[in-house]
Amino acid sequence: MGPGATAEYVVTGGFAQINSDGVTVLAERAIARTDMTQELLDAMIAEAASVHKAAKEAKEPAQGMLDDAAKLVADMVAMGSEIGLSASQPNL
């Protein structure tokens, strides 16, 4: 990619650091927007829903684990909507 070129990525987890030298992104997953498919989104939402289900079923869930898992599902659904894919939130 040359000067002034841009690239879009679907990023989950992690953070971005922006300064005068550029941008650094540390993420669990980064997928080029052009490679993002409905199948990938569905798998990501199913994975997040599975984490939420496990948190609900845990005998002694860690503090905030259930809320974090629910937020993860909501984030995946919102991401799908933002990039123009059909995202339906699973029954939690």
PDB file of N, CA and C in Angstrom:
ATOM      1  N   MET A   1       0.826  -1.169   0.000  1.00  0.00           N
ATOM      2  CA  MET A   1       0.000   0.000   0.000  1.00  0.00           C
ATOM      3  C   MET A   1       0.878   1.243   0.000  1.00  0.00           C
ATOM      4  N   GLY A   2       0.509   2.193  -0.809  1.00  0.00           N
ATOM      5  CA  GLY A   2       1.301   3.411  -0.910  1.00  0.00           C
ATOM      6  C   GLY A   2       0.820   4.504   0.015  1.00  0.00           C
ATOM      7  N   PRO A   3       1.506   5.630  -0.013  1.00  0.00           N
ATOM      8  CA  PRO A   3       1.125   6.773   0.822  1.00  0.00           C
ATOM      9  C   PRO A   3      -0.315   7.201   0.551  1.00  0.00           C
ATOM     10  N   GLY A   4      -1.037   7.485   1.611  1.00  0.00           N
ATOM     11  CA  GLY A   4      -2.417   7.942   1.466  1.00  0.00           C
ATOM     12  C   GLY A   4      -3.431   6.833   1.269  1.00  0.00           C
ATOM     13  N   ALA A   5      -2.968   5.614   1.083  1.00  0.00           N
ATOM     14  CA  ALA A   5      -3.887   4.494   0.889  1.00  0.00           C
ATOM     15  C   ALA A   5      -4.502   4.115   2.231  1.00  0.00           C
ATOM     16  N   THR A   6      -5.691   3.567   2.184  1.00  0.00           N
ATOM     17  CA  THR A   6      -6.348   3.137   3.408  1.00  0.00           C
ATOM     18  C   THR A   6      -6.737   1.677   3.301  1.00  0.00           C
ATOM     19  N   ALA A   7      -6.907   1.069   4.453  1.00  0.00           N
ATOM     20  CA  ALA A   7      -7.372  -0.317   4.519  1.00  0.00           C
ATOM     21  C   ALA A   7      -8.339  -0.409   5.688  1.00  0.00           C
ATOM     22  N   GLU A   8      -9.393  -1.180   5.524  1.00  0.00           N
ATOM     23  CA  GLU A   8     -10.364  -1.358   6.591  1.00  0.00           C
ATOM     24  C   GLU A   8     -10.276  -2.782   7.115  1.00  0.00           C
ATOM     25  N   TYR A   9     -10.382  -2.907   8.444  1.00  0.00           N
ATOM     26  CA  TYR A   9     -10.337  -4.208   9.097  1.00  0.00           C
ATOM     27  C   TYR A   9     -11.479  -4.324  10.096  1.00  0.00           C
ATOM     28  N   VAL A  10     -11.950  -5.522  10.253  1.00  0.00           N
ATOM     29  CA  VAL A  10     -12.885  -5.856  11.320  1.00  0.00           C
ATOM     30  C   VAL A  10     -12.004  -6.360  12.458  1.00  0.00           C
ATOM     31  N   VAL A  11     -12.078  -5.676  13.607  1.00  0.00           N
ATOM     32  CA  VAL A  11     -11.177  -5.960  14.712  1.00  0.00           C
ATOM     33  C   VAL A  11     -11.997  -6.291  15.951  1.00  0.00           C
ATOM     34  N   THR A  12     -11.617  -7.355  16.652  1.00  0.00           N
ATOM     35  CA  THR A  12     -12.280  -7.696  17.911  1.00  0.00           C
ATOM     36  C   THR A  12     -11.249  -7.755  19.025  1.00  0.00           C
ATOM     37  N   GLY A  13     -11.677  -7.323  20.191  1.00  0.00           N
ATOM     38  CA  GLY A  13     -10.800  -7.345  21.362  1.00  0.00           C
ATOM     39  C   GLY A  13      -9.588  -6.457  21.170  1.00  0.00           C
ATOM     40  N   GLY A  14      -8.949  -6.078  22.241  1.00  0.00           N
ATOM     41  CA  GLY A  14      -7.719  -5.321  22.159  1.00  0.00           C
ATOM     42  C   GLY A  14      -7.920  -3.823  22.200  1.00  0.00           C
ATOM     43  N   PHE A  15      -6.962  -3.100  21.643  1.00  0.00           N
ATOM     44  CA  PHE A  15      -7.010  -1.643  21.671  1.00  0.00           C
ATOM     45  C   PHE A  15      -6.171  -1.071  20.545  1.00  0.00           C
ATOM     46  N   ALA A  16      -6.362   0.233  20.304  1.00  0.00           N
ATOM     47  CA  ALA A  16      -5.572   0.949  19.304  1.00  0.00           C
ATOM     48  C   ALA A  16      -4.864   2.104  19.996  1.00  0.00           C
ATOM     49  N   GLN A  17      -3.618   2.321  19.614  1.00  0.00           N
ATOM     50  CA  GLN A  17      -2.842   3.454  20.118  1.00  0.00           C
ATOM     51  C   GLN A  17      -2.548   4.342  18.921  1.00  0.00           C
ATOM     52  N   ILE A  18      -2.977   5.595  19.001  1.00  0.00           N
ATOM     53  CA  ILE A  18      -2.804   6.543  17.902  1.00  0.00           C
ATOM     54  C   ILE A  18      -1.901   7.670  18.385  1.00  0.00           C
ATOM     55  N   ASN A  19      -0.806   7.898  17.655  1.00  0.00           N
ATOM     56  CA  ASN A  19       0.100   9.004  17.998  1.00  0.00           C
ATOM     57  C   ASN A  19       0.690   9.568  16.712  1.00  0.00           C
ATOM     58  N   SER A  20       1.623  10.489  16.825  1.00  0.00           N
ATOM     59  CA  SER A  20       2.180  11.156  15.649  1.00  0.00           C
ATOM     60  C   SER A  20       2.974  10.214  14.748  1.00  0.00           C
ATOM     61  N   ASP A  21       3.414   9.072  15.289  1.00  0.00           N
ATOM     62  CA  ASP A  21       4.168   8.105  14.491  1.00  0.00           C
ATOM     63  C   ASP A  21       3.270   7.149  13.710  1.00  0.00           C
ATOM     64  N   GLY A  22       1.983   7.138  14.020  1.00  0.00           N
ATOM     65  CA  GLY A  22       1.069   6.248  13.327  1.00  0.00           C
ATOM     66  C   GLY A  22       0.102   5.585  14.287  1.00  0.00           C
ATOM     67  N   VAL A  23      -0.374   4.431  13.875  1.00  0.00           N
ATOM     68  CA  VAL A  23      -1.367   3.694  14.646  1.00  0.00           C
ATOM     69  C   VAL A  23      -0.843   2.290  14.920  1.00  0.00           C
ATOM     70  N   THR A  24      -0.999   1.861  16.163  1.00  0.00           N
ATOM     71  CA  THR A  24      -0.668   0.499  16.534  1.00  0.00           C
ATOM     72  C   THR A  24      -1.944  -0.154  17.045  1.00  0.00           C
ATOM     73  N   VAL A  25      -2.275  -1.331  16.525  1.00  0.00           N
ATOM     74  CA  VAL A  25      -3.470  -2.047  16.954  1.00  0.00           C
ATOM     75  C   VAL A  25      -3.049  -3.402  17.488  1.00  0.00           C
ATOM     76  N   LEU A  26      -3.449  -3.690  18.714  1.00  0.00           N
ATOM     77  CA  LEU A  26      -3.267  -5.011  19.308  1.00  0.00           C
ATOM     78  C   LEU A  26      -4.655  -5.596  19.464  1.00  0.00           C
ATOM     79  N   ALA A  27      -4.928  -6.695  18.794  1.00  0.00           N
ATOM     80  CA  ALA A  27      -6.280  -7.234  18.782  1.00  0.00           C
ATOM     81  C   ALA A  27      -6.268  -8.747  18.861  1.00  0.00           C
ATOM     82  N   GLU A  28      -7.380  -9.289  19.353  1.00  0.00           N
ATOM     83  CA  GLU A  28      -7.551 -10.739  19.348  1.00  0.00           C
ATOM     84  C   GLU A  28      -7.640 -11.243  17.917  1.00  0.00           C
ATOM     85  N   ARG A  29      -8.381 -10.481  17.105  1.00  0.00           N
ATOM     86  CA  ARG A  29      -8.642 -10.905  15.728  1.00  0.00           C
ATOM     87  C   ARG A  29      -8.746  -9.670  14.853  1.00  0.00           C
ATOM     88  N   ALA A  30      -8.136  -9.719  13.683  1.00  0.00           N
ATOM     89  CA  ALA A  30      -8.260  -8.651  12.691  1.00  0.00           C
ATOM     90  C   ALA A  30      -8.455  -9.302  11.328  1.00  0.00           C
ATOM     91  N   ILE A  31      -9.563  -8.963  10.697  1.00  0.00           N
ATOM     92  CA  ILE A  31      -9.910  -9.546   9.400  1.00  0.00           C
ATOM     93  C   ILE A  31     -10.089  -8.392   8.420  1.00  0.00           C
ATOM     94  N   ALA A  32      -9.427  -8.480   7.279  1.00  0.00           N
ATOM     95  CA  ALA A  32      -9.610  -7.448   6.257  1.00  0.00           C
ATOM     96  C   ALA A  32     -11.093  -7.338   5.932  1.00  0.00           C
ATOM     97  N   ARG A  33     -11.612  -6.114   5.852  1.00  0.00           N
ATOM     98  CA  ARG A  33     -13.042  -5.909   5.585  1.00  0.00           C
ATOM     99  C   ARG A  33     -13.471  -6.638   4.327  1.00  0.00           C
ATOM    100  N   THR A  34     -12.612  -6.674   3.332  1.00  0.00           N
ATOM    101  CA  THR A  34     -12.948  -7.348   2.073  1.00  0.00           C
ATOM    102  C   THR A  34     -13.056  -8.860   2.247  1.00  0.00           C
ATOM    103  N   ASP A  35     -12.467  -9.400   3.318  1.00  0.00           N
ATOM    104  CA  ASP A  35     -12.537 -10.844   3.580  1.00  0.00           C
ATOM    105  C   ASP A  35     -13.679 -11.222   4.523  1.00  0.00           C
ATOM    106  N   MET A  36     -14.348 -10.223   5.094  1.00  0.00           N
ATOM    107  CA  MET A  36     -15.417 -10.490   6.053  1.00  0.00           C
ATOM    108  C   MET A  36     -16.663 -10.959   5.317  1.00  0.00           C
ATOM    109  N   THR A  37     -17.189 -12.101   5.739  1.00  0.00           N
ATOM    110  CA  THR A  37     -18.369 -12.676   5.102  1.00  0.00           C
ATOM    111  C   THR A  37     -19.470 -12.895   6.131  1.00  0.00           C
ATOM    112  N   GLN A  38     -20.657 -13.146   5.641  1.00  0.00           N
ATOM    113  CA  GLN A  38     -21.777 -13.466   6.526  1.00  0.00           C
ATOM    114  C   GLN A  38     -21.457 -14.719   7.346  1.00  0.00           C
ATOM    115  N   GLU A  39     -20.820 -15.679   6.715  1.00  0.00           N
ATOM    116  CA  GLU A  39     -20.454 -16.919   7.418  1.00  0.00           C
ATOM    117  C   GLU A  39     -19.501 -16.632   8.588  1.00  0.00           C
ATOM    118  N   LEU A  40     -18.510 -15.782   8.368  1.00  0.00           N
ATOM    119  CA  LEU A  40     -17.593 -15.419   9.456  1.00  0.00           C
ATOM    120  C   LEU A  40     -18.320 -14.678  10.574  1.00  0.00           C
ATOM    121  N   LEU A  41     -19.189 -13.742  10.203  1.00  0.00           N
ATOM    122  CA  LEU A  41     -19.945 -13.007  11.218  1.00  0.00           C
ATOM    123  C   LEU A  41     -20.813 -13.965  12.031  1.00  0.00           C
ATOM    124  N   ASP A  42     -21.514 -14.861  11.348  1.00  0.00           N
ATOM    125  CA  ASP A  42     -22.363 -15.829  12.054  1.00  0.00           C
ATOM    126  C   ASP A  42     -21.544 -16.668  13.033  1.00  0.00           C
ATOM    127  N   ALA A  43     -20.347 -17.079  12.619  1.00  0.00           N
ATOM    128  CA  ALA A  43     -19.477 -17.874  13.492  1.00  0.00           C
ATOM    129  C   ALA A  43     -19.012 -17.055  14.696  1.00  0.00           C
ATOM    130  N   MET A  44     -18.696 -15.778  14.476  1.00  0.00           N
ATOM    131  CA  MET A  44     -18.252 -14.922  15.573  1.00  0.00           C
ATOM    132  C   MET A  44     -19.378 -14.693  16.580  1.00  0.00           C
ATOM    133  N   ILE A  45     -20.604 -14.502  16.077  1.00  0.00           N
ATOM    134  CA  ILE A  45     -21.749 -14.318  16.968  1.00  0.00           C
ATOM    135  C   ILE A  45     -22.043 -15.604  17.728  1.00  0.00           C
ATOM    136  N   ALA A  46     -21.961 -16.742  17.058  1.00  0.00           N
ATOM    137  CA  ALA A  46     -22.194 -18.029  17.724  1.00  0.00           C
ATOM    138  C   ALA A  46     -21.147 -18.265  18.812  1.00  0.00           C
ATOM    139  N   GLU A  47     -19.901 -17.911  18.536  1.00  0.00           N
ATOM    140  CA  GLU A  47     -18.835 -18.061  19.529  1.00  0.00           C
ATOM    141  C   GLU A  47     -19.101 -17.174  20.746  1.00  0.00           C
ATOM    142  N   ALA A  48     -19.511 -15.938  20.498  1.00  0.00           N
ATOM    143  CA  ALA A  48     -19.817 -15.020  21.595  1.00  0.00           C
ATOM    144  C   ALA A  48     -21.014 -15.521  22.406  1.00  0.00           C
ATOM    145  N   ALA A  49     -22.029 -16.044  21.729  1.00  0.00           N
ATOM    146  CA  ALA A  49     -23.197 -16.583  22.425  1.00  0.00           C
ATOM    147  C   ALA A  49     -22.817 -17.796  23.272  1.00  0.00           C
ATOM    148  N   SER A  50     -21.885 -18.591  22.781  1.00  0.00           N
ATOM    149  CA  SER A  50     -21.407 -19.753  23.536  1.00  0.00           C
ATOM    150  C   SER A  50     -20.689 -19.320  24.814  1.00  0.00           C
ATOM    151  N   VAL A  51     -19.894 -18.264  24.719  1.00  0.00           N
ATOM    152  CA  VAL A  51     -19.208 -17.720  25.899  1.00  0.00           C
ATOM    153  C   VAL A  51     -20.238 -17.221  26.906  1.00  0.00           C
ATOM    154  N   HIS A  52     -21.278 -16.553  26.402  1.00  0.00           N
ATOM    155  CA  HIS A  52     -22.338 -16.059  27.286  1.00  0.00           C
ATOM    156  C   HIS A  52     -23.056 -17.218  27.973  1.00  0.00           C
ATOM    157  N   LYS A  53     -23.370 -18.250  27.222  1.00  0.00           N
ATOM    158  CA  LYS A  53     -24.057 -19.416  27.794  1.00  0.00           C
ATOM    159  C   LYS A  53     -23.204 -20.058  28.890  1.00  0.00           C
ATOM    160  N   ALA A  54     -21.922 -20.202  28.630  1.00  0.00           N
ATOM    161  CA  ALA A  54     -21.019 -20.795  29.630  1.00  0.00           C
ATOM    162  C   ALA A  54     -20.966 -19.929  30.887  1.00  0.00           C
ATOM    163  N   ALA A  55     -20.983 -18.609  30.712  1.00  0.00           N
ATOM    164  CA  ALA A  55     -20.964 -17.705  31.863  1.00  0.00           C
ATOM    165  C   ALA A  55     -22.239 -17.855  32.681  1.00  0.00           C
ATOM    166  N   LYS A  56     -23.380 -18.007  31.989  1.00  0.00           N
ATOM    167  CA  LYS A  56     -24.653 -18.174  32.695  1.00  0.00           C
ATOM    168  C   LYS A  56     -24.692 -19.482  33.474  1.00  0.00           C
ATOM    169  N   GLU A  57     -24.057 -20.508  32.922  1.00  0.00           N
ATOM    170  CA  GLU A  57     -24.120 -21.832  33.534  1.00  0.00           C
ATOM    171  C   GLU A  57     -23.038 -22.077  34.576  1.00  0.00           C
ATOM    172  N   ALA A  58     -22.081 -21.175  34.687  1.00  0.00           N
ATOM    173  CA  ALA A  58     -20.991 -21.347  35.653  1.00  0.00           C
ATOM    174  C   ALA A  58     -21.546 -21.286  37.074  1.00  0.00           C
ATOM    175  N   LYS A  59     -21.091 -22.201  37.917  1.00  0.00           N
ATOM    176  CA  LYS A  59     -21.551 -22.219  39.308  1.00  0.00           C
ATOM    177  C   LYS A  59     -21.167 -20.942  40.027  1.00  0.00           C
ATOM    178  N   GLU A  60     -19.959 -20.513  39.840  1.00  0.00           N
ATOM    179  CA  GLU A  60     -19.462 -19.296  40.469  1.00  0.00           C
ATOM    180  C   GLU A  60     -18.744 -18.447  39.425  1.00  0.00           C
ATOM    181  N   PRO A  61     -19.523 -17.745  38.604  1.00  0.00           N
ATOM    182  CA  PRO A  61     -18.864 -16.938  37.559  1.00  0.00           C
ATOM    183  C   PRO A  61     -18.032 -15.808  38.171  1.00  0.00           C
ATOM    184  N   ALA A  62     -16.945 -15.506  37.507  1.00  0.00           N
ATOM    185  CA  ALA A  62     -16.090 -14.406  37.948  1.00  0.00           C
ATOM    186  C   ALA A  62     -16.878 -13.103  37.879  1.00  0.00           C
ATOM    187  N   GLN A  63     -16.506 -12.161  38.720  1.00  0.00           N
ATOM    188  CA  GLN A  63     -17.180 -10.861  38.766  1.00  0.00           C
ATOM    189  C   GLN A  63     -17.251 -10.249  37.371  1.00  0.00           C
ATOM    190  N   GLY A  64     -18.429  -9.909  36.938  1.00  0.00           N
ATOM    191  CA  GLY A  64     -18.615  -9.237  35.645  1.00  0.00           C
ATOM    192  C   GLY A  64     -18.568 -10.150  34.440  1.00  0.00           C
ATOM    193  N   MET A  65     -18.322 -11.445  34.645  1.00  0.00           N
ATOM    194  CA  MET A  65     -18.178 -12.376  33.516  1.00  0.00           C
ATOM    195  C   MET A  65     -19.446 -12.414  32.649  1.00  0.00           C
ATOM    196  N   LEU A  66     -20.616 -12.474  33.270  1.00  0.00           N
ATOM    197  CA  LEU A  66     -21.863 -12.545  32.519  1.00  0.00           C
ATOM    198  C   LEU A  66     -22.112 -11.256  31.749  1.00  0.00           C
ATOM    199  N   ASP A  67     -21.880 -10.117  32.385  1.00  0.00           N
ATOM    200  CA  ASP A  67     -22.052  -8.832  31.700  1.00  0.00           C
ATOM    201  C   ASP A  67     -21.073  -8.685  30.544  1.00  0.00           C
ATOM    202  N   ASP A  68     -19.827  -9.092  30.759  1.00  0.00           N
ATOM    203  CA  ASP A  68     -18.817  -9.023  29.697  1.00  0.00           C
ATOM    204  C   ASP A  68     -19.216  -9.893  28.512  1.00  0.00           C
ATOM    205  N   ALA A  69     -19.745 -11.078  28.800  1.00  0.00           N
ATOM    206  CA  ALA A  69     -20.147 -11.994  27.733  1.00  0.00           C
ATOM    207  C   ALA A  69     -21.335 -11.429  26.958  1.00  0.00           C
ATOM    208  N   ALA A  70     -22.293 -10.834  27.656  1.00  0.00           N
ATOM    209  CA  ALA A  70     -23.446 -10.230  26.985  1.00  0.00           C
ATOM    210  C   ALA A  70     -23.005  -9.055  26.112  1.00  0.00           C
ATOM    211  N   LYS A  71     -22.053  -8.267  26.603  1.00  0.00           N
ATOM    212  CA  LYS A  71     -21.528  -7.141  25.822  1.00  0.00           C
ATOM    213  C   LYS A  71     -20.815  -7.642  24.569  1.00  0.00           C
ATOM    214  N   LEU A  72     -20.099  -8.750  24.690  1.00  0.00           N
ATOM    215  CA  LEU A  72     -19.413  -9.327  23.538  1.00  0.00           C
ATOM    216  C   LEU A  72     -20.412  -9.699  22.443  1.00  0.00           C
ATOM    217  N   VAL A  73     -21.528 -10.318  22.822  1.00  0.00           N
ATOM    218  CA  VAL A  73     -22.563 -10.667  21.848  1.00  0.00           C
ATOM    219  C   VAL A  73     -23.114  -9.396  21.196  1.00  0.00           C
ATOM    220  N   ALA A  74     -23.450  -8.411  22.017  1.00  0.00           N
ATOM    221  CA  ALA A  74     -23.991  -7.157  21.479  1.00  0.00           C
ATOM    222  C   ALA A  74     -22.996  -6.465  20.552  1.00  0.00           C
ATOM    223  N   ASP A  75     -21.721  -6.501  20.894  1.00  0.00           N
ATOM    224  CA  ASP A  75     -20.686  -5.903  20.042  1.00  0.00           C
ATOM    225  C   ASP A  75     -20.605  -6.603  18.688  1.00  0.00           C
ATOM    226  N   MET A  76     -20.700  -7.925  18.681  1.00  0.00           N
ATOM    227  CA  MET A  76     -20.643  -8.671  17.418  1.00  0.00           C
ATOM    228  C   MET A  76     -21.836  -8.319  16.527  1.00  0.00           C
ATOM    229  N   VAL A  77     -23.024  -8.208  17.140  1.00  0.00           N
ATOM    230  CA  VAL A  77     -24.231  -7.849  16.391  1.00  0.00           C
ATOM    231  C   VAL A  77     -24.088  -6.431  15.830  1.00  0.00           C
ATOM    232  N   ALA A  78     -23.626  -5.497  16.663  1.00  0.00           N
ATOM    233  CA  ALA A  78     -23.450  -4.108  16.207  1.00  0.00           C
ATOM    234  C   ALA A  78     -22.416  -4.023  15.094  1.00  0.00           C
ATOM    235  N   MET A  79     -21.339  -4.782  15.211  1.00  0.00           N
ATOM    236  CA  MET A  79     -20.308  -4.784  14.181  1.00  0.00           C
ATOM    237  C   MET A  79     -20.903  -5.237  12.851  1.00  0.00           C
ATOM    238  N   GLY A  80     -21.677  -6.306  12.888  1.00  0.00           N
ATOM    239  CA  GLY A  80     -22.299  -6.799  11.656  1.00  0.00           C
ATOM    240  C   GLY A  80     -23.172  -5.744  11.011  1.00  0.00           C
ATOM    241  N   SER A  81     -23.969  -5.075  11.817  1.00  0.00           N
ATOM    242  CA  SER A  81     -24.840  -4.019  11.286  1.00  0.00           C
ATOM    243  C   SER A  81     -24.021  -2.885  10.679  1.00  0.00           C
ATOM    244  N   GLU A  82     -22.934  -2.518  11.350  1.00  0.00           N
ATOM    245  CA  GLU A  82     -22.088  -1.410  10.895  1.00  0.00           C
ATOM    246  C   GLU A  82     -21.447  -1.697   9.531  1.00  0.00           C
ATOM    247  N   ILE A  83     -21.082  -2.938   9.293  1.00  0.00           N
ATOM    248  CA  ILE A  83     -20.401  -3.257   8.032  1.00  0.00           C
ATOM    249  C   ILE A  83     -21.348  -3.779   6.960  1.00  0.00           C
ATOM    250  N   GLY A  84     -22.646  -3.748   7.266  1.00  0.00           N
ATOM    251  CA  GLY A  84     -23.639  -4.073   6.239  1.00  0.00           C
ATOM    252  C   GLY A  84     -23.971  -5.550   6.113  1.00  0.00           C
ATOM    253  N   LEU A  85     -23.650  -6.328   7.119  1.00  0.00           N
ATOM    254  CA  LEU A  85     -24.028  -7.734   7.116  1.00  0.00           C
ATOM    255  C   LEU A  85     -25.243  -7.922   8.009  1.00  0.00           C
ATOM    256  N   SER A  86     -25.988  -8.977   7.780  1.00  0.00           N
ATOM    257  CA  SER A  86     -27.194  -9.228   8.552  1.00  0.00           C
ATOM    258  C   SER A  86     -26.815  -9.907   9.867  1.00  0.00           C
ATOM    259  N   ALA A  87     -27.042  -9.208  10.953  1.00  0.00           N
ATOM    260  CA  ALA A  87     -26.691  -9.763  12.271  1.00  0.00           C
ATOM    261  C   ALA A  87     -27.942  -9.844  13.119  1.00  0.00           C
ATOM    262  N   SER A  88     -28.298 -11.050  13.511  1.00  0.00           N
ATOM    263  CA  SER A  88     -29.439 -11.189  14.416  1.00  0.00           C
ATOM    264  C   SER A  88     -28.908 -11.643  15.757  1.00  0.00           C
ATOM    265  N   GLN A  89     -29.320 -10.929  16.797  1.00  0.00           N
ATOM    266  CA  GLN A  89     -28.842 -11.247  18.143  1.00  0.00           C
ATOM    267  C   GLN A  89     -29.509 -12.525  18.617  1.00  0.00           C
ATOM    268  N   PRO A  90     -28.719 -13.479  19.086  1.00  0.00           N
ATOM    269  CA  PRO A  90     -29.291 -14.723  19.579  1.00  0.00           C
ATOM    270  C   PRO A  90     -30.060 -14.491  20.869  1.00  0.00           C
ATOM    271  N   ASN A  91     -30.979 -15.399  21.176  1.00  0.00           N
ATOM    272  CA  ASN A  91     -31.679 -15.345  22.462  1.00  0.00           C
ATOM    273  C   ASN A  91     -30.709 -15.597  23.585  1.00  0.00           C
ATOM    274  N   LEU A  92     -30.600 -14.653  24.468  1.00  0.00           N
ATOM    275  CA  LEU A  92     -29.713 -14.814  25.617  1.00  0.00           C
ATOM    276  C   LEU A  92     -30.585 -15.112  26.782  1.00  0.00           C
TER     277      LEU A  92
END
